[in-house]
Amino acid sequence: MREHEDRFGGGDLMSGFINWGDQTSETLAAMAADDPVAVLPVAAIEQHGPHLPLSTDAVIGEGLLDAASAVYNGMRPVLRLPMLSLGASVEHTGFPGTLSLSPERMAASIEAVGAGVARA
């Protein structure tokens, strides 16, 4: 653990998740040696009936990640990437407010994010 404290300014990197967007390029590059796990939350912006907001999937996903982060104490750092608030929700496109990509574009978007993570 001392190595983590020396390299990243103190604290136990492996307790809780590390927010990708809060890091510097240099910090992410140094973290690569620790073989981190990256988590990409994906949540469609789509209708859930008249009583729920379009962001329901994102709210649930963020809550799950917050809960998992609160109890995580693992052997590798976990990098929490920013929420990808798009989905392949073609069945919901008839409802106002739905933001949707084709399944192929959705898969390509996830692959592009993964390639960016790998470059870091």
N, C-alpha and C. Protein backbone atom coordinates (compact mmCIF):
# COMPACT_ATOMS: atom_id res chain seq x y z
N MET A 1 0.81 -1.19 0.00
CA MET A 1 0.00 0.00 0.00
C MET A 1 0.85 1.26 0.00
N ARG A 2 2.01 1.19 0.59
CA ARG A 2 2.87 2.37 0.66
C ARG A 2 3.18 2.87 -0.75
N GLU A 3 3.38 1.95 -1.68
CA GLU A 3 3.67 2.34 -3.06
C GLU A 3 2.54 3.20 -3.61
N HIS A 4 1.28 2.83 -3.37
CA HIS A 4 0.14 3.62 -3.84
C HIS A 4 0.16 5.00 -3.20
N GLU A 5 0.42 5.05 -1.91
CA GLU A 5 0.43 6.33 -1.21
C GLU A 5 1.51 7.24 -1.77
N ASP A 6 2.67 6.69 -2.06
CA ASP A 6 3.76 7.50 -2.59
C ASP A 6 3.44 8.01 -3.99
N ARG A 7 2.87 7.17 -4.82
CA ARG A 7 2.64 7.54 -6.21
C ARG A 7 1.43 8.41 -6.42
N PHE A 8 0.43 8.31 -5.58
CA PHE A 8 -0.82 9.01 -5.84
C PHE A 8 -1.23 9.94 -4.71
N GLY A 9 -0.31 10.38 -3.91
CA GLY A 9 -0.59 11.43 -2.95
C GLY A 9 -1.32 11.00 -1.71
N GLY A 10 -1.14 9.79 -1.27
CA GLY A 10 -1.75 9.33 -0.02
C GLY A 10 -3.11 8.71 -0.24
N GLY A 11 -3.57 8.02 0.75
CA GLY A 11 -4.87 7.37 0.65
C GLY A 11 -4.75 5.99 0.05
N ASP A 12 -5.73 5.19 0.30
CA ASP A 12 -5.74 3.81 -0.17
C ASP A 12 -6.53 3.77 -1.47
N LEU A 13 -5.85 3.67 -2.59
CA LEU A 13 -6.52 3.67 -3.89
C LEU A 13 -7.49 2.52 -4.04
N MET A 14 -7.30 1.46 -3.31
CA MET A 14 -8.12 0.28 -3.54
C MET A 14 -9.35 0.22 -2.65
N SER A 15 -9.61 1.26 -1.90
CA SER A 15 -10.87 1.36 -1.17
C SER A 15 -11.75 2.33 -1.94
N GLY A 16 -12.83 1.83 -2.48
CA GLY A 16 -13.70 2.67 -3.29
C GLY A 16 -13.21 2.77 -4.72
N PHE A 17 -14.02 3.39 -5.54
CA PHE A 17 -13.70 3.56 -6.95
C PHE A 17 -13.06 4.93 -7.17
N ILE A 18 -12.29 5.04 -8.21
CA ILE A 18 -11.59 6.26 -8.57
C ILE A 18 -12.29 6.86 -9.78
N ASN A 19 -12.72 8.10 -9.68
CA ASN A 19 -13.40 8.76 -10.79
C ASN A 19 -12.40 9.15 -11.88
N TRP A 20 -12.59 8.59 -13.05
CA TRP A 20 -11.71 8.82 -14.20
C TRP A 20 -11.53 10.31 -14.46
N GLY A 21 -12.61 11.04 -14.53
CA GLY A 21 -12.56 12.45 -14.90
C GLY A 21 -11.87 13.34 -13.89
N ASP A 22 -11.68 12.87 -12.67
CA ASP A 22 -11.01 13.66 -11.64
C ASP A 22 -9.49 13.50 -11.67
N GLN A 23 -8.99 12.62 -12.53
CA GLN A 23 -7.56 12.32 -12.56
C GLN A 23 -6.86 13.20 -13.60
N THR A 24 -5.56 13.29 -13.48
CA THR A 24 -4.75 13.93 -14.53
C THR A 24 -4.28 12.84 -15.49
N SER A 25 -3.82 13.26 -16.65
CA SER A 25 -3.27 12.30 -17.61
C SER A 25 -2.10 11.53 -17.01
N GLU A 26 -1.27 12.24 -16.26
CA GLU A 26 -0.11 11.62 -15.66
C GLU A 26 -0.51 10.57 -14.62
N THR A 27 -1.52 10.88 -13.83
CA THR A 27 -1.99 9.94 -12.81
C THR A 27 -2.53 8.67 -13.46
N LEU A 28 -3.32 8.83 -14.52
CA LEU A 28 -3.86 7.65 -15.21
C LEU A 28 -2.74 6.81 -15.81
N ALA A 29 -1.76 7.46 -16.39
CA ALA A 29 -0.64 6.72 -16.98
C ALA A 29 0.11 5.93 -15.91
N ALA A 30 0.32 6.53 -14.75
CA ALA A 30 1.01 5.84 -13.66
C ALA A 30 0.18 4.69 -13.11
N MET A 31 -1.14 4.85 -13.11
CA MET A 31 -2.02 3.81 -12.59
C MET A 31 -2.03 2.55 -13.45
N ALA A 32 -1.66 2.69 -14.71
CA ALA A 32 -1.70 1.54 -15.62
C ALA A 32 -0.86 0.38 -15.11
N ALA A 33 0.20 0.66 -14.40
CA ALA A 33 1.07 -0.39 -13.85
C ALA A 33 0.36 -1.24 -12.80
N ASP A 34 -0.70 -0.70 -12.22
CA ASP A 34 -1.45 -1.43 -11.18
C ASP A 34 -2.58 -2.28 -11.76
N ASP A 35 -2.66 -2.36 -13.11
CA ASP A 35 -3.65 -3.18 -13.79
C ASP A 35 -5.07 -2.88 -13.30
N PRO A 36 -5.51 -1.63 -13.41
CA PRO A 36 -6.84 -1.28 -12.89
C PRO A 36 -7.96 -1.88 -13.73
N VAL A 37 -9.12 -1.94 -13.13
CA VAL A 37 -10.35 -2.34 -13.82
C VAL A 37 -11.10 -1.06 -14.13
N ALA A 38 -11.60 -0.92 -15.34
CA ALA A 38 -12.40 0.24 -15.71
C ALA A 38 -13.86 -0.17 -15.82
N VAL A 39 -14.73 0.63 -15.24
CA VAL A 39 -16.17 0.37 -15.28
C VAL A 39 -16.82 1.49 -16.08
N LEU A 40 -17.51 1.13 -17.15
CA LEU A 40 -18.23 2.10 -17.97
C LEU A 40 -19.72 1.94 -17.71
N PRO A 41 -20.32 2.86 -16.96
CA PRO A 41 -21.76 2.78 -16.76
C PRO A 41 -22.49 3.26 -18.02
N VAL A 42 -23.44 2.48 -18.46
CA VAL A 42 -24.23 2.80 -19.65
C VAL A 42 -25.69 2.82 -19.24
N ALA A 43 -26.38 3.89 -19.61
CA ALA A 43 -27.79 4.00 -19.23
C ALA A 43 -28.54 4.75 -20.32
N ALA A 44 -29.57 4.15 -20.81
CA ALA A 44 -30.38 4.78 -21.83
C ALA A 44 -31.16 5.96 -21.25
N ILE A 45 -31.34 6.96 -22.08
CA ILE A 45 -32.25 8.06 -21.76
C ILE A 45 -33.51 7.76 -22.56
N GLU A 46 -34.52 7.28 -21.85
CA GLU A 46 -35.74 6.82 -22.52
C GLU A 46 -36.92 6.93 -21.56
N GLN A 47 -38.08 6.81 -22.11
CA GLN A 47 -39.30 6.92 -21.31
C GLN A 47 -39.46 5.72 -20.39
N HIS A 48 -40.01 5.99 -19.23
CA HIS A 48 -40.33 4.94 -18.25
C HIS A 48 -41.74 5.15 -17.72
N GLY A 49 -42.59 5.68 -18.57
CA GLY A 49 -43.95 5.98 -18.16
C GLY A 49 -44.06 7.43 -17.71
N PRO A 50 -45.29 7.87 -17.43
CA PRO A 50 -45.51 9.28 -17.10
C PRO A 50 -45.03 9.68 -15.71
N HIS A 51 -44.66 8.73 -14.88
CA HIS A 51 -44.32 9.02 -13.49
C HIS A 51 -42.82 9.04 -13.21
N LEU A 52 -41.99 8.68 -14.17
CA LEU A 52 -40.54 8.61 -13.93
C LEU A 52 -39.79 9.47 -14.95
N PRO A 53 -38.63 10.01 -14.55
CA PRO A 53 -37.85 10.83 -15.48
C PRO A 53 -37.15 9.97 -16.53
N LEU A 54 -36.77 10.63 -17.61
CA LEU A 54 -36.05 9.95 -18.68
C LEU A 54 -34.72 9.37 -18.19
N SER A 55 -34.17 9.95 -17.16
CA SER A 55 -32.86 9.53 -16.63
C SER A 55 -32.95 8.40 -15.62
N THR A 56 -34.06 7.72 -15.53
CA THR A 56 -34.24 6.67 -14.52
C THR A 56 -33.12 5.63 -14.56
N ASP A 57 -32.76 5.16 -15.74
CA ASP A 57 -31.69 4.15 -15.83
C ASP A 57 -30.37 4.70 -15.31
N ALA A 58 -30.07 5.96 -15.62
CA ALA A 58 -28.83 6.57 -15.15
C ALA A 58 -28.83 6.74 -13.64
N VAL A 59 -29.95 7.16 -13.08
CA VAL A 59 -30.04 7.33 -11.63
C VAL A 59 -29.82 5.99 -10.92
N ILE A 60 -30.45 4.94 -11.43
CA ILE A 60 -30.27 3.61 -10.84
C ILE A 60 -28.81 3.15 -10.99
N GLY A 61 -28.25 3.33 -12.17
CA GLY A 61 -26.86 2.93 -12.41
C GLY A 61 -25.88 3.66 -11.51
N GLU A 62 -26.05 4.96 -11.36
CA GLU A 62 -25.16 5.73 -10.48
C GLU A 62 -25.31 5.27 -9.03
N GLY A 63 -26.55 4.99 -8.62
CA GLY A 63 -26.77 4.50 -7.26
C GLY A 63 -26.10 3.16 -7.02
N LEU A 64 -26.18 2.27 -7.99
CA LEU A 64 -25.51 0.97 -7.86
C LEU A 64 -24.00 1.13 -7.77
N LEU A 65 -23.45 2.00 -8.60
CA LEU A 65 -22.00 2.23 -8.55
C LEU A 65 -21.59 2.88 -7.24
N ASP A 66 -22.38 3.82 -6.74
CA ASP A 66 -22.08 4.44 -5.44
C ASP A 66 -22.06 3.38 -4.34
N ALA A 67 -23.05 2.49 -4.35
CA ALA A 67 -23.14 1.45 -3.32
C ALA A 67 -21.97 0.47 -3.44
N ALA A 68 -21.63 0.08 -4.66
CA ALA A 68 -20.50 -0.84 -4.84
C ALA A 68 -19.19 -0.18 -4.43
N SER A 69 -19.03 1.08 -4.75
CA SER A 69 -17.81 1.80 -4.38
C SER A 69 -17.66 1.90 -2.87
N ALA A 70 -18.78 2.08 -2.19
CA ALA A 70 -18.74 2.24 -0.73
C ALA A 70 -18.23 0.99 -0.01
N VAL A 71 -18.43 -0.17 -0.62
CA VAL A 71 -18.02 -1.41 0.05
C VAL A 71 -16.81 -2.07 -0.60
N TYR A 72 -16.34 -1.52 -1.72
CA TYR A 72 -15.21 -2.15 -2.43
C TYR A 72 -13.92 -1.99 -1.64
N ASN A 73 -13.24 -3.07 -1.48
CA ASN A 73 -11.91 -3.07 -0.87
C ASN A 73 -11.15 -4.22 -1.52
N GLY A 74 -10.81 -4.02 -2.78
CA GLY A 74 -10.23 -5.10 -3.56
C GLY A 74 -8.74 -4.97 -3.76
N MET A 75 -8.25 -5.85 -4.60
CA MET A 75 -6.81 -5.94 -4.82
C MET A 75 -6.34 -5.02 -5.93
N ARG A 76 -7.26 -4.52 -6.76
CA ARG A 76 -6.88 -3.65 -7.87
C ARG A 76 -7.71 -2.38 -7.84
N PRO A 77 -7.14 -1.28 -8.32
CA PRO A 77 -7.93 -0.06 -8.41
C PRO A 77 -9.07 -0.24 -9.41
N VAL A 78 -10.19 0.40 -9.14
CA VAL A 78 -11.33 0.40 -10.06
C VAL A 78 -11.55 1.83 -10.51
N LEU A 79 -11.47 2.04 -11.81
CA LEU A 79 -11.69 3.36 -12.40
C LEU A 79 -13.13 3.46 -12.87
N ARG A 80 -13.81 4.45 -12.38
CA ARG A 80 -15.22 4.68 -12.73
C ARG A 80 -15.26 5.73 -13.84
N LEU A 81 -15.59 5.27 -15.03
CA LEU A 81 -15.67 6.16 -16.16
C LEU A 81 -16.96 6.98 -16.10
N PRO A 82 -17.02 8.09 -16.83
CA PRO A 82 -18.25 8.87 -16.86
C PRO A 82 -19.39 8.07 -17.48
N MET A 83 -20.59 8.32 -17.02
CA MET A 83 -21.79 7.65 -17.53
C MET A 83 -21.94 7.92 -19.02
N LEU A 84 -22.17 6.87 -19.78
CA LEU A 84 -22.54 6.99 -21.19
C LEU A 84 -24.06 6.97 -21.23
N SER A 85 -24.64 8.14 -21.34
CA SER A 85 -26.11 8.26 -21.24
C SER A 85 -26.77 8.17 -22.60
N LEU A 86 -26.50 7.09 -23.26
CA LEU A 86 -27.14 6.75 -24.53
C LEU A 86 -27.37 5.26 -24.53
N GLY A 87 -28.33 4.84 -25.28
CA GLY A 87 -28.59 3.42 -25.38
C GLY A 87 -29.03 3.07 -26.78
N ALA A 88 -29.21 1.80 -27.00
CA ALA A 88 -29.78 1.31 -28.25
C ALA A 88 -31.25 1.05 -27.95
N SER A 89 -32.01 2.12 -27.91
CA SER A 89 -33.41 2.06 -27.47
C SER A 89 -34.36 2.31 -28.63
N VAL A 90 -34.13 1.61 -29.71
CA VAL A 90 -34.94 1.84 -30.91
C VAL A 90 -36.42 1.59 -30.66
N GLU A 91 -36.73 0.72 -29.71
CA GLU A 91 -38.14 0.43 -29.42
C GLU A 91 -38.83 1.59 -28.69
N HIS A 92 -38.04 2.55 -28.20
CA HIS A 92 -38.61 3.69 -27.48
C HIS A 92 -38.59 4.98 -28.30
N THR A 93 -38.15 4.93 -29.55
CA THR A 93 -37.97 6.16 -30.32
C THR A 93 -39.28 6.88 -30.62
N GLY A 94 -40.38 6.23 -30.47
CA GLY A 94 -41.67 6.89 -30.66
C GLY A 94 -42.08 7.77 -29.49
N PHE A 95 -41.34 7.71 -28.41
CA PHE A 95 -41.65 8.50 -27.22
C PHE A 95 -40.76 9.74 -27.17
N PRO A 96 -41.34 10.90 -26.89
CA PRO A 96 -40.53 12.12 -26.81
C PRO A 96 -39.45 12.00 -25.74
N GLY A 97 -38.28 12.51 -26.07
CA GLY A 97 -37.18 12.55 -25.11
C GLY A 97 -36.19 11.41 -25.20
N THR A 98 -36.54 10.35 -25.91
CA THR A 98 -35.63 9.21 -26.02
C THR A 98 -34.42 9.58 -26.87
N LEU A 99 -33.24 9.26 -26.35
CA LEU A 99 -32.00 9.43 -27.11
C LEU A 99 -31.49 8.03 -27.42
N SER A 100 -31.38 7.71 -28.70
CA SER A 100 -31.05 6.34 -29.06
C SER A 100 -30.06 6.28 -30.20
N LEU A 101 -29.21 5.28 -30.14
CA LEU A 101 -28.31 4.94 -31.22
C LEU A 101 -28.73 3.58 -31.77
N SER A 102 -28.32 3.30 -32.98
CA SER A 102 -28.53 1.95 -33.49
C SER A 102 -27.66 1.00 -32.66
N PRO A 103 -28.03 -0.27 -32.59
CA PRO A 103 -27.19 -1.21 -31.85
C PRO A 103 -25.73 -1.21 -32.33
N GLU A 104 -25.52 -1.07 -33.63
CA GLU A 104 -24.17 -1.06 -34.17
C GLU A 104 -23.39 0.17 -33.70
N ARG A 105 -24.05 1.33 -33.71
CA ARG A 105 -23.37 2.55 -33.25
C ARG A 105 -23.13 2.51 -31.75
N MET A 106 -24.05 1.92 -31.02
CA MET A 106 -23.87 1.80 -29.57
C MET A 106 -22.64 0.93 -29.28
N ALA A 107 -22.55 -0.20 -29.96
CA ALA A 107 -21.40 -1.09 -29.77
C ALA A 107 -20.11 -0.38 -30.16
N ALA A 108 -20.14 0.37 -31.27
CA ALA A 108 -18.95 1.10 -31.71
C ALA A 108 -18.57 2.18 -30.70
N SER A 109 -19.54 2.82 -30.08
CA SER A 109 -19.26 3.84 -29.06
C SER A 109 -18.57 3.22 -27.85
N ILE A 110 -19.07 2.09 -27.41
CA ILE A 110 -18.47 1.41 -26.26
C ILE A 110 -17.05 0.96 -26.61
N GLU A 111 -16.87 0.44 -27.81
CA GLU A 111 -15.52 0.03 -28.24
C GLU A 111 -14.58 1.22 -28.30
N ALA A 112 -15.08 2.38 -28.76
CA ALA A 112 -14.24 3.58 -28.84
C ALA A 112 -13.82 4.04 -27.45
N VAL A 113 -14.74 3.99 -26.49
CA VAL A 113 -14.38 4.34 -25.12
C VAL A 113 -13.33 3.36 -24.59
N GLY A 114 -13.54 2.08 -24.86
CA GLY A 114 -12.56 1.08 -24.43
C GLY A 114 -11.19 1.32 -25.03
N ALA A 115 -11.14 1.72 -26.28
CA ALA A 115 -9.85 2.02 -26.91
C ALA A 115 -9.19 3.22 -26.23
N GLY A 116 -9.99 4.21 -25.86
CA GLY A 116 -9.44 5.36 -25.14
C GLY A 116 -8.89 4.98 -23.78
N VAL A 117 -9.59 4.09 -23.10
CA VAL A 117 -9.12 3.60 -21.80
C VAL A 117 -7.79 2.86 -21.99
N ALA A 118 -7.72 2.03 -23.01
CA ALA A 118 -6.50 1.26 -23.25
C ALA A 118 -5.31 2.16 -23.56
N ARG A 119 -5.56 3.29 -24.23
CA ARG A 119 -4.46 4.22 -24.53
C ARG A 119 -3.94 4.93 -23.29
N ALA A 120 -4.78 5.05 -22.27
CA ALA A 120 -4.36 5.76 -21.05
C ALA A 120 -3.35 4.91 -20.32
